[in-house]
Structures are given as structure tokens and as C-alpha cells.
Amino acid sequence: MPEKLTKYEITRLISARAQQLSYGAPPLVKVEKNSTAYSIAREEFDNKVIPLAVIRNINNEKVIVTVS
């Protein structure tokens, strides 16, 4: 069974990616002229191309959960 991201993890991923974009990271989706860093990060998340993952510690084991 694939692990699902919680709403808090989703928020953290989008926030971290938006910060990366605001510092000059190249976007992974087509960008419109008036797009904000948040809207680009949200679109990357929705298209499952956001380059981040969540690492959970469950019973002293690390479990990596990706967006895809």
C-alpha cells in the first residue's frame, strides 16, 4: 500500500519548493508571466514533478515517501 502524504507534509513540500523557486531555482513546469513562486510550486506538486520527498521515522526505520 503506497503511503499518502498528510496535509501538513504537502504544505511543507510546497512551501520549501516555493522558497527554492524564489531563490532562483529553475521551475519544472511551464510558467506564465505573472506566476508566483507558490503557484509554480503548487503546479509542480499537482503534476507530481516536485523534486522533494518526505522521510518518516517509523519504528526506528526510515521510510521515504515521494509525491508520485
Foldseek 3Di string as FASTA:
>chain_A
DADDDDPVRVVVLLVVQLVVVVVPDDQPDDDDDPDHSSNSSVVCLVVQNRPDWDWDQDPNDTDIHGSD
